[in-house]
Each structure stands twice: as C-alpha cells, then as structure tokens.
PDB file of N, CA and C in Angstrom:
ATOM      1  N   MET A   1     121.113  94.192  92.819  1.00  0.00           N
ATOM      2  CA  MET A   1     120.419  94.837  93.922  1.00  0.00           C
ATOM      3  C   MET A   1     121.425  95.616  94.753  1.00  0.00           C
ATOM      4  N   GLY A   2     121.060  96.809  95.191  1.00  0.00           N
ATOM      5  CA  GLY A   2     121.976  97.669  95.924  1.00  0.00           C
ATOM      6  C   GLY A   2     122.104  97.275  97.377  1.00  0.00           C
ATOM      7  N   THR A   3     122.939  98.022  98.070  1.00  0.00           N
ATOM      8  CA  THR A   3     123.139  97.765  99.483  1.00  0.00           C
ATOM      9  C   THR A   3     122.043  98.449 100.294  1.00  0.00           C
ATOM     10  N   LYS A   4     121.912  98.034 101.527  1.00  0.00           N
ATOM     11  CA  LYS A   4     120.878  98.558 102.416  1.00  0.00           C
ATOM     12  C   LYS A   4     121.019 100.066 102.625  1.00  0.00           C
ATOM     13  N   ASP A   5     122.252 100.572 102.685  1.00  0.00           N
ATOM     14  CA  ASP A   5     122.486 101.982 102.964  1.00  0.00           C
ATOM     15  C   ASP A   5     122.494 102.855 101.715  1.00  0.00           C
ATOM     16  N   GLU A   6     122.228 102.272 100.555  1.00  0.00           N
ATOM     17  CA  GLU A   6     122.294 103.011  99.296  1.00  0.00           C
ATOM     18  C   GLU A   6     121.299 104.170  99.239  1.00  0.00           C
ATOM     19  N   GLU A   7     120.071 103.937  99.629  1.00  0.00           N
ATOM     20  CA  GLU A   7     119.042 104.961  99.621  1.00  0.00           C
ATOM     21  C   GLU A   7     118.267 104.900 100.916  1.00  0.00           C
ATOM     22  N   LYS A   8     117.746 106.027 101.329  1.00  0.00           N
ATOM     23  CA  LYS A   8     116.936 106.103 102.540  1.00  0.00           C
ATOM     24  C   LYS A   8     115.500 106.424 102.165  1.00  0.00           C
ATOM     25  N   LEU A   9     114.568 105.947 102.936  1.00  0.00           N
ATOM     26  CA  LEU A   9     113.164 106.284 102.762  1.00  0.00           C
ATOM     27  C   LEU A   9     112.910 107.562 103.548  1.00  0.00           C
ATOM     28  N   VAL A  10     112.635 108.654 102.844  1.00  0.00           N
ATOM     29  CA  VAL A  10     112.369 109.933 103.474  1.00  0.00           C
ATOM     30  C   VAL A  10     110.862 110.073 103.628  1.00  0.00           C
ATOM     31  N   ILE A  11     110.420 110.343 104.833  1.00  0.00           N
ATOM     32  CA  ILE A  11     108.993 110.439 105.106  1.00  0.00           C
ATOM     33  C   ILE A  11     108.558 111.880 104.942  1.00  0.00           C
ATOM     34  N   GLY A  12     107.718 112.116 103.926  1.00  0.00           N
ATOM     35  CA  GLY A  12     107.216 113.449 103.623  1.00  0.00           C
ATOM     36  C   GLY A  12     105.704 113.451 103.595  1.00  0.00           C
ATOM     37  N   PRO A  13     105.103 114.423 102.903  1.00  0.00           N
ATOM     38  CA  PRO A  13     103.645 114.502 102.821  1.00  0.00           C
ATOM     39  C   PRO A  13     103.042 113.294 102.121  1.00  0.00           C
ATOM     40  N   GLN A  14     101.764 113.034 102.394  1.00  0.00           N
ATOM     41  CA  GLN A  14     101.076 111.906 101.770  1.00  0.00           C
ATOM     42  C   GLN A  14     100.980 112.109 100.265  1.00  0.00           C
ATOM     43  N   LYS A  15     101.131 111.014  99.517  1.00  0.00           N
ATOM     44  CA  LYS A  15     101.087 111.065  98.065  1.00  0.00           C
ATOM     45  C   LYS A  15      99.758 110.539  97.523  1.00  0.00           C
ATOM     46  N   TYR A  16      99.238 109.484  98.143  1.00  0.00           N
ATOM     47  CA  TYR A  16      98.036 108.841  97.628  1.00  0.00           C
ATOM     48  C   TYR A  16      96.798 109.274  98.380  1.00  0.00           C
ATOM     49  N   GLY A  17      95.694 109.262  97.692  1.00  0.00           N
ATOM     50  CA  GLY A  17      94.398 109.562  98.294  1.00  0.00           C
ATOM     51  C   GLY A  17      93.343 108.757  97.559  1.00  0.00           C
ATOM     52  N   GLY A  18      92.106 109.006  97.870  1.00  0.00           N
ATOM     53  CA  GLY A  18      91.041 108.327  97.148  1.00  0.00           C
ATOM     54  C   GLY A  18      90.659 106.998  97.768  1.00  0.00           C
ATOM     55  N   GLU A  19      90.076 106.144  96.923  1.00  0.00           N
ATOM     56  CA  GLU A  19      89.581 104.843  97.381  1.00  0.00           C
ATOM     57  C   GLU A  19      90.701 103.955  97.905  1.00  0.00           C
ATOM     58  N   THR A  20      90.359 103.173  98.903  1.00  0.00           N
ATOM     59  CA  THR A  20      91.326 102.236  99.476  1.00  0.00           C
ATOM     60  C   THR A  20      90.719 100.846  99.537  1.00  0.00           C
ATOM     61  N   ALA A  21      91.571  99.870  99.785  1.00  0.00           N
ATOM     62  CA  ALA A  21      91.150  98.486  99.979  1.00  0.00           C
ATOM     63  C   ALA A  21      91.897  97.940 101.189  1.00  0.00           C
ATOM     64  N   VAL A  22      91.276  97.033 101.895  1.00  0.00           N
ATOM     65  CA  VAL A  22      91.887  96.418 103.071  1.00  0.00           C
ATOM     66  C   VAL A  22      92.746  95.238 102.624  1.00  0.00           C
ATOM     67  N   VAL A  23      93.976  95.184 103.147  1.00  0.00           N
ATOM     68  CA  VAL A  23      94.905  94.093 102.865  1.00  0.00           C
ATOM     69  C   VAL A  23      95.431  93.594 104.201  1.00  0.00           C
ATOM     70  N   SER A  24      95.516  92.292 104.340  1.00  0.00           N
ATOM     71  CA  SER A  24      96.019  91.697 105.570  1.00  0.00           C
ATOM     72  C   SER A  24      97.350  91.013 105.286  1.00  0.00           C
ATOM     73  N   MET A  25      98.271  91.073 106.240  1.00  0.00           N
ATOM     74  CA  MET A  25      99.555  90.389 106.070  1.00  0.00           C
ATOM     75  C   MET A  25     100.092  89.944 107.426  1.00  0.00           C
ATOM     76  N   ARG A  26     100.985  88.989 107.373  1.00  0.00           N
ATOM     77  CA  ARG A  26     101.660  88.525 108.588  1.00  0.00           C
ATOM     78  C   ARG A  26     103.079  89.057 108.569  1.00  0.00           C
ATOM     79  N   MET A  27     103.592  89.381 109.770  1.00  0.00           N
ATOM     80  CA  MET A  27     104.981  89.808 109.885  1.00  0.00           C
ATOM     81  C   MET A  27     105.513  89.387 111.246  1.00  0.00           C
ATOM     82  N   PRO A  28     106.821  89.239 111.349  1.00  0.00           N
ATOM     83  CA  PRO A  28     107.402  88.873 112.636  1.00  0.00           C
ATOM     84  C   PRO A  28     107.086  89.946 113.693  1.00  0.00           C
ATOM     85  N   LYS A  29     106.912  89.509 114.932  1.00  0.00           N
ATOM     86  CA  LYS A  29     106.571  90.444 116.010  1.00  0.00           C
ATOM     87  C   LYS A  29     107.642  91.506 116.208  1.00  0.00           C
ATOM     88  N   ASP A  30     108.912  91.155 116.017  1.00  0.00           N
ATOM     89  CA  ASP A  30     109.961  92.161 116.193  1.00  0.00           C
ATOM     90  C   ASP A  30     109.904  93.212 115.082  1.00  0.00           C
ATOM     91  N   MET A  31     109.479  92.824 113.885  1.00  0.00           N
ATOM     92  CA  MET A  31     109.310  93.782 112.800  1.00  0.00           C
ATOM     93  C   MET A  31     108.134  94.713 113.108  1.00  0.00           C
ATOM     94  N   LEU A  32     107.060  94.169 113.663  1.00  0.00           N
ATOM     95  CA  LEU A  32     105.910  94.973 114.049  1.00  0.00           C
ATOM     96  C   LEU A  32     106.305  95.981 115.129  1.00  0.00           C
ATOM     97  N   ALA A  33     107.113  95.556 116.076  1.00  0.00           N
ATOM     98  CA  ALA A  33     107.582  96.466 117.127  1.00  0.00           C
ATOM     99  C   ALA A  33     108.404  97.607 116.523  1.00  0.00           C
ATOM    100  N   GLU A  34     109.253  97.300 115.552  1.00  0.00           N
ATOM    101  CA  GLU A  34     110.047  98.330 114.880  1.00  0.00           C
ATOM    102  C   GLU A  34     109.139  99.270 114.091  1.00  0.00           C
ATOM    103  N   LEU A  35     108.139  98.727 113.435  1.00  0.00           N
ATOM    104  CA  LEU A  35     107.168  99.534 112.706  1.00  0.00           C
ATOM    105  C   LEU A  35     106.455 100.495 113.657  1.00  0.00           C
ATOM    106  N   ASP A  36     106.047 100.007 114.805  1.00  0.00           N
ATOM    107  CA  ASP A  36     105.385 100.853 115.799  1.00  0.00           C
ATOM    108  C   ASP A  36     106.326 101.935 116.333  1.00  0.00           C
ATOM    109  N   ARG A  37     107.592 101.598 116.509  1.00  0.00           N
ATOM    110  CA  ARG A  37     108.580 102.583 116.972  1.00  0.00           C
ATOM    111  C   ARG A  37     108.724 103.706 115.950  1.00  0.00           C
ATOM    112  N   ILE A  38     108.834 103.329 114.669  1.00  0.00           N
ATOM    113  CA  ILE A  38     108.973 104.316 113.592  1.00  0.00           C
ATOM    114  C   ILE A  38     107.715 105.183 113.508  1.00  0.00           C
ATOM    115  N   ALA A  39     106.551 104.560 113.618  1.00  0.00           N
ATOM    116  CA  ALA A  39     105.292 105.307 113.571  1.00  0.00           C
ATOM    117  C   ALA A  39     105.232 106.324 114.710  1.00  0.00           C
ATOM    118  N   ALA A  40     105.603 105.916 115.902  1.00  0.00           N
ATOM    119  CA  ALA A  40     105.575 106.822 117.050  1.00  0.00           C
ATOM    120  C   ALA A  40     106.575 107.965 116.870  1.00  0.00           C
ATOM    121  N   GLU A  41     107.763 107.641 116.383  1.00  0.00           N
ATOM    122  CA  GLU A  41     108.814 108.643 116.209  1.00  0.00           C
ATOM    123  C   GLU A  41     108.443 109.679 115.145  1.00  0.00           C
ATOM    124  N   THR A  42     107.742 109.260 114.109  1.00  0.00           N
ATOM    125  CA  THR A  42     107.414 110.156 112.992  1.00  0.00           C
ATOM    126  C   THR A  42     106.028 110.778 113.103  1.00  0.00           C
ATOM    127  N   GLY A  43     105.209 110.289 114.040  1.00  0.00           N
ATOM    128  CA  GLY A  43     103.847 110.792 114.160  1.00  0.00           C
ATOM    129  C   GLY A  43     102.934 110.266 113.064  1.00  0.00           C
ATOM    130  N   ARG A  44     103.363 109.220 112.377  1.00  0.00           N
ATOM    131  CA  ARG A  44     102.561 108.595 111.317  1.00  0.00           C
ATOM    132  C   ARG A  44     101.910 107.327 111.861  1.00  0.00           C
ATOM    133  N   THR A  45     100.910 106.831 111.147  1.00  0.00           N
ATOM    134  CA  THR A  45     100.282 105.573 111.531  1.00  0.00           C
ATOM    135  C   THR A  45     101.061 104.406 110.946  1.00  0.00           C
ATOM    136  N   ARG A  46     100.789 103.216 111.462  1.00  0.00           N
ATOM    137  CA  ARG A  46     101.375 101.997 110.873  1.00  0.00           C
ATOM    138  C   ARG A  46     101.079 101.951 109.380  1.00  0.00           C
ATOM    139  N   ASN A  47      99.824 102.210 109.046  1.00  0.00           N
ATOM    140  CA  ASN A  47      99.401 102.145 107.650  1.00  0.00           C
ATOM    141  C   ASN A  47     100.216 103.098 106.777  1.00  0.00           C
ATOM    142  N   GLU A  48     100.409 104.320 107.243  1.00  0.00           N
ATOM    143  CA  GLU A  48     101.185 105.291 106.466  1.00  0.00           C
ATOM    144  C   GLU A  48     102.623 104.824 106.255  1.00  0.00           C
ATOM    145  N   ILE A  49     103.231 104.298 107.307  1.00  0.00           N
ATOM    146  CA  ILE A  49     104.613 103.810 107.192  1.00  0.00           C
ATOM    147  C   ILE A  49     104.676 102.638 106.219  1.00  0.00           C
ATOM    148  N   LEU A  50     103.731 101.722 106.302  1.00  0.00           N
ATOM    149  CA  LEU A  50     103.706 100.587 105.373  1.00  0.00           C
ATOM    150  C   LEU A  50     103.505 101.057 103.935  1.00  0.00           C
ATOM    151  N   MET A  51     102.579 101.985 103.715  1.00  0.00           N
ATOM    152  CA  MET A  51     102.338 102.504 102.368  1.00  0.00           C
ATOM    153  C   MET A  51     103.592 103.171 101.802  1.00  0.00           C
ATOM    154  N   LEU A  52     104.252 103.999 102.605  1.00  0.00           N
ATOM    155  CA  LEU A  52     105.478 104.663 102.156  1.00  0.00           C
ATOM    156  C   LEU A  52     106.567 103.645 101.838  1.00  0.00           C
ATOM    157  N   SER A  53     106.683 102.633 102.671  1.00  0.00           N
ATOM    158  CA  SER A  53     107.704 101.601 102.471  1.00  0.00           C
ATOM    159  C   SER A  53     107.451 100.793 101.202  1.00  0.00           C
ATOM    160  N   ILE A  54     106.203 100.443 100.972  1.00  0.00           N
ATOM    161  CA  ILE A  54     105.850  99.677  99.773  1.00  0.00           C
ATOM    162  C   ILE A  54     106.063 100.521  98.523  1.00  0.00           C
ATOM    163  N   GLU A  55     105.646 101.786  98.582  1.00  0.00           N
ATOM    164  CA  GLU A  55     105.855 102.685  97.442  1.00  0.00           C
ATOM    165  C   GLU A  55     107.346 102.821  97.131  1.00  0.00           C
ATOM    166  N   PHE A  56     108.152 103.004  98.161  1.00  0.00           N
ATOM    167  CA  PHE A  56     109.603 103.124  98.018  1.00  0.00           C
ATOM    168  C   PHE A  56     110.176 101.884  97.329  1.00  0.00           C
ATOM    169  N   ALA A  57     109.756 100.718  97.781  1.00  0.00           N
ATOM    170  CA  ALA A  57     110.253  99.459  97.202  1.00  0.00           C
ATOM    171  C   ALA A  57     109.789  99.293  95.760  1.00  0.00           C
ATOM    172  N   MET A  58     108.523  99.584  95.483  1.00  0.00           N
ATOM    173  CA  MET A  58     108.006  99.404  94.125  1.00  0.00           C
ATOM    174  C   MET A  58     108.672 100.353  93.131  1.00  0.00           C
ATOM    175  N   ASP A  59     108.980 101.571  93.558  1.00  0.00           N
ATOM    176  CA  ASP A  59     109.645 102.533  92.679  1.00  0.00           C
ATOM    177  C   ASP A  59     111.066 102.105  92.315  1.00  0.00           C
ATOM    178  N   ARG A  60     111.676 101.272  93.151  1.00  0.00           N
ATOM    179  CA  ARG A  60     113.072 100.890  92.947  1.00  0.00           C
ATOM    180  C   ARG A  60     113.245  99.415  92.581  1.00  0.00           C
ATOM    181  N   MET A  61     112.150  98.737  92.397  1.00  0.00           N
ATOM    182  CA  MET A  61     112.138  97.307  92.143  1.00  0.00           C
ATOM    183  C   MET A  61     112.611  96.987  90.721  1.00  0.00           C
ATOM    184  N   GLU A  62     113.354  95.925  90.608  1.00  0.00           N
ATOM    185  CA  GLU A  62     113.751  95.404  89.296  1.00  0.00           C
ATOM    186  C   GLU A  62     113.205  93.993  89.198  1.00  0.00           C
ATOM    187  N   ILE A  63     112.437  93.737  88.155  1.00  0.00           N
ATOM    188  CA  ILE A  63     111.845  92.424  87.977  1.00  0.00           C
ATOM    189  C   ILE A  63     112.653  91.659  86.944  1.00  0.00           C
ATOM    190  N   LYS A  64     113.173  90.537  87.354  1.00  0.00           N
ATOM    191  CA  LYS A  64     113.954  89.699  86.446  1.00  0.00           C
ATOM    192  C   LYS A  64     113.051  88.649  85.859  1.00  0.00           C
ATOM    193  N   LYS A  65     113.185  88.440  84.564  1.00  0.00           N
ATOM    194  CA  LYS A  65     112.409  87.413  83.874  1.00  0.00           C
ATOM    195  C   LYS A  65     112.919  86.043  84.249  1.00  0.00           C
ATOM    196  N   ARG A  66     111.990  85.096  84.365  1.00  0.00           N
ATOM    197  CA  ARG A  66     112.367  83.718  84.664  1.00  0.00           C
ATOM    198  C   ARG A  66     113.045  83.093  83.453  1.00  0.00           C
ATOM    199  N   GLU A  67     114.073  82.359  83.747  1.00  0.00           N
ATOM    200  CA  GLU A  67     114.734  81.600  82.676  1.00  0.00           C
ATOM    201  C   GLU A  67     114.150  80.206  82.675  1.00  0.00           C
ATOM    202  N   ASP A  68     113.549  79.819  81.548  1.00  0.00           N
ATOM    203  CA  ASP A  68     112.916  78.492  81.453  1.00  0.00           C
ATOM    204  C   ASP A  68     113.905  77.400  81.144  1.00  0.00           C
TER     205      ASP A  68
END
C-alpha cells in the first residue's frame, strides 16, 4: 500500500449518473466536519465528495487473498 501523499483525489466533473440507491454509514464527527469543510470549499455536496472518494479508493484498491 502506498503512502498518503502518493496520489491526490482531483475533483472534476461528475462521472456517474442514472439510478441510485440510499446507503447509510457511521463516521466520526471530526471526519464529518472535514467532509463538510471540503464540500463547502469545492461547492460539492457531501454525497458528491463521498462518491468521488469511494471511486478513487476502489480504482486503486488491491485485494489480497486470504491465506487459509
């Protein structure tokens, strides 16, 4: 796994459209405050920032097989 500063999440135009589904999650309040700060700074919604962040992580994710 790389370092935190290896790649940056660049916020550009929306990529996904179409049907959506509602997902609920819990997060620390300080993380939510940071999410709100980023949303305000970029003019994006919480949802957009979360979607971009998840997409960024999934595109760079490496799944290791379990060793039995």
